[in-house]
């Protein structure tokens, strides 16, 4: 947990959070000025009580009676200005900080390695972006406003009270150590509960997102009751953590007020034996009542403050995650696509067992190489090492004789196009989904030609807005085959020298697959193509077929050679052929 790390203790985290306020120091200082002005109006209000009683009501002084109403109007008019400056100024600073924080987090999402997403659910990450960051809004606006404004007001009121009676004020201050100890205990409990709440919010988000994405599977397999039970369990845990937080908050505030009330009662008793006139006593009591009001506000922000610190710990821990290692400095123009895997070994950080073990493979420019094997053989991992989605544990991979770790990620990935089995489309127009990212400068003719080559133009032109049609979240408004063809059009438009195909025709019907297979064959000409194959019938014409088992290459050759060897490939081929004819 981040709280066990000194880097994420409460004080360090809050200082770091306040560092994000620095760019907006002018507005921040203006808000502070408003707080100072507000605290002075509180003292002024307590101060005018004495002349109101002594000279206004007792002595009927006409001068005091004349200026007193103006003083009251002036004090409360000044409070309007002071309150606006402090509240709006701090809100402006806080929302600016939240905007900056979310931008940093989004940038972090874009640059985290693939391995991070393998071990963190999207629901948890969404909770950090939405719930945790929003908790910082209070920590950097309302809480700071109350901390500064009420603390300044209390100090100003204490000064006024010392001026009226040192003895009574010292007696009142004897309660301070008891309050400090209570606040320290409550603070630790608040922060502990806040971490539990954040974790439970991530669980709620994860289960909700899974239910949304898997709604068809849930319906068809009758999983409603099970998912309801799972959600109710998590939802109940979330409720219980919130109630613990509210119970602590509800109990701590009255206890603090009770301690202050004891001091207040003692002071009232002792004040009768002090040499104070009516006006002085009333002014002193008014100042004390105002002080108690501000002390109560300070006590009540503790829960929100600890929630903010816990949220900041979560956010900063996320921001401090190590991003992709882009240590390469070399850039390449268009390569020939020659690849060389040399003694490549890969293991995940969480496992000592290698996923890939001493892989050696040379691929010539323009060669089509298919990777086959049972599930878990390491096919996808081996291909994923090329664009550096994962970092090698041992060995090296060369592209045109250059170690891929010496190339910048942008230069390396510019040489590669990808068509995955799981198509990803963005909630944008069809044109922008084809000409995505670095290809956004593509001309309309280039986009149309790519769509034609992928046999996508025939359905695009029938849509109400053609290439300007919005596809919905992840292309929900399109069929599986249409989404796949758009992904292929995107790869065609990129025209990269290296092409990765992960069962690119899996979502197409038979007629569409025939057209796409033809388009892919045209696309693969003069291009190094790595095919992750599940159906062996789609890779029979590959130049080289690499058969993998348990992270190692066990056979290499073309379709005919491998069948004649009657080894692993032949066994896979017979199994699929038997299943297809059964």
Foldseek 3Di string as FASTA:
>chain_A
DLCVDPCQPLVNLLVVLCVLLVVVVVLVVQLLVLLLLLLVLLLLVLVLLLCCVVVVPPVVPVVCVVCVVVSVVVSVVSNVVSCCSNQVSQLVSLVVSLVVLLVLLVVLVVFAFPVVCVPAPPLLSVLLNPVLSVLLSCLRHVLVSLVSNLVSNLVSLLVVLCVLPVVLSVLLCVLVVVLVVLLVVLLVVLLVLLLQLSVLSSVLSRLVVCCVVCVVVCVVVVVPVVSVVVNVVSVVSNVVSVVVLVVSLVPSLVVSLVSSVVSVVVSVVCVVVDPDDPSSVSSSVSSSVSSSVSVSVNSNCSSSNSSNSSSSSVSVVSSPDDGAPQPADDADDAALFKKWFAQFWADDPVDPDTLAGGETDTDGRLAEEEEDEDPSLCQVVVVCPQLPSDDTPDTFMDTNRHTVSNYGSVRSCLQEAEQAPQFFAAQFFLQCRQCDDPSPPPDPVLLCVLLVLLVLQVVQVVDPVRRRDGLHHRNPNDAQQNSLSSSSSSRLSSLHQEYEYEVSCVRDDPVSSVSNLVSVVVSSGSHYYYYHDDDVVSCQPGQKYFYGGSNYTDDMGHNVVVCVVVPDVVVSNVVNVVVVVD
